[in-house]
């Protein structure tokens, strides 16, 4: 299997050879793959115990301005 940079390079070479009408097909397929991956990741998060409750709590804190500057939490970056 190719590593990511080699795979991207090969993909670019092939894409650059395609006529315009085929590019639309490639775009549709790539969009499908990304959307599917996003959906899989969302399902994985939603399956975590307490995730939805924690998310709602965080959204409420943000709405009321109960936020902490990340620099206070992470001084090592």
Protein backbone atom coordinates (compact mmCIF):
# COMPACT_ATOMS: atom_id res chain seq x y z
CA UNK A 1 0.00 0.00 0.00
CA UNK A 2 1.20 3.49 -0.81
CA UNK A 3 1.94 5.96 1.93
CA UNK A 4 -0.22 9.10 2.00
CA UNK A 5 2.10 11.41 0.02
CA UNK A 6 2.64 8.80 -2.71
CA UNK A 7 -1.08 8.05 -2.88
CA UNK A 8 -1.94 11.75 -3.17
CA UNK A 9 0.63 12.20 -5.91
CA UNK A 10 -0.76 9.25 -7.86
CA UNK A 11 -4.30 10.57 -7.44
CA UNK A 12 -3.28 14.01 -8.71
CA UNK A 13 -1.58 12.46 -11.75
CA UNK A 14 -4.72 10.51 -12.64
CA UNK A 15 -7.07 13.42 -11.98
CA UNK A 16 -5.02 15.71 -14.19
CA UNK A 17 -5.55 13.28 -17.09
CA UNK A 18 -9.34 13.23 -16.83
CA UNK A 19 -11.72 15.19 -19.06
CA UNK A 20 -14.06 17.67 -17.38
CA UNK A 21 -17.12 15.37 -17.38
CA UNK A 22 -15.17 12.62 -15.56
CA UNK A 23 -13.99 15.13 -12.95
CA UNK A 24 -17.61 15.58 -11.88
CA UNK A 25 -17.85 11.82 -11.24
CA UNK A 26 -14.62 11.88 -9.22
CA UNK A 27 -15.87 14.85 -7.22
CA UNK A 28 -19.14 13.07 -6.43
CA UNK A 29 -17.27 9.96 -5.31
CA UNK A 30 -14.83 11.91 -3.13
CA UNK A 31 -17.72 13.83 -1.57
CA UNK A 32 -19.43 10.54 -0.79
CA UNK A 33 -16.29 9.14 0.87
CA UNK A 34 -15.77 12.22 3.03
CA UNK A 35 -19.43 12.37 4.03
CA UNK A 36 -19.44 8.68 4.90
CA UNK A 37 -16.33 9.10 7.04
CA UNK A 38 -17.91 12.09 8.79
CA UNK A 39 -21.07 10.08 9.42
CA UNK A 40 -19.07 7.14 10.79
CA UNK A 41 -17.18 9.47 13.13
CA UNK A 42 -20.43 11.07 14.29
CA UNK A 43 -21.98 7.68 15.03
CA UNK A 44 -18.86 6.70 16.94
CA UNK A 45 -19.06 9.84 19.09
CA UNK A 46 -22.78 9.45 19.71
CA UNK A 47 -22.18 5.89 20.89
CA UNK A 48 -19.91 7.09 23.69
CA UNK A 49 -21.64 7.05 27.07
CA UNK A 50 -22.56 10.54 28.27
CA UNK A 51 -21.33 12.24 25.07
CA UNK A 52 -24.66 13.88 24.23
CA UNK A 53 -25.13 15.11 27.80
CA UNK A 54 -21.59 16.51 27.92
CA UNK A 55 -22.07 18.21 24.56
CA UNK A 56 -25.32 19.85 25.66
CA UNK A 57 -23.65 20.99 28.88
CA UNK A 58 -20.75 22.51 26.93
CA UNK A 59 -23.17 24.28 24.57
CA UNK A 60 -25.06 25.75 27.52
CA UNK A 61 -21.82 26.95 29.10
CA UNK A 62 -20.84 28.60 25.81
CA UNK A 63 -24.26 30.24 25.49
CA UNK A 64 -24.00 31.73 28.99
CA UNK A 65 -20.38 32.80 28.54
CA UNK A 66 -19.00 30.34 31.09
CA UNK A 67 -15.84 29.81 29.08
CA UNK A 68 -12.21 29.40 30.06
CA UNK A 69 -9.41 30.71 27.88
CA UNK A 70 -7.53 27.70 26.51
CA UNK A 71 -4.22 29.45 27.28
CA UNK A 72 -5.04 29.14 30.98
CA UNK A 73 -5.51 25.41 30.60
CA UNK A 74 -2.59 24.77 28.24
CA UNK A 75 0.51 26.73 29.19
CA UNK A 76 2.79 24.35 27.28
CA UNK A 77 1.72 25.50 23.81
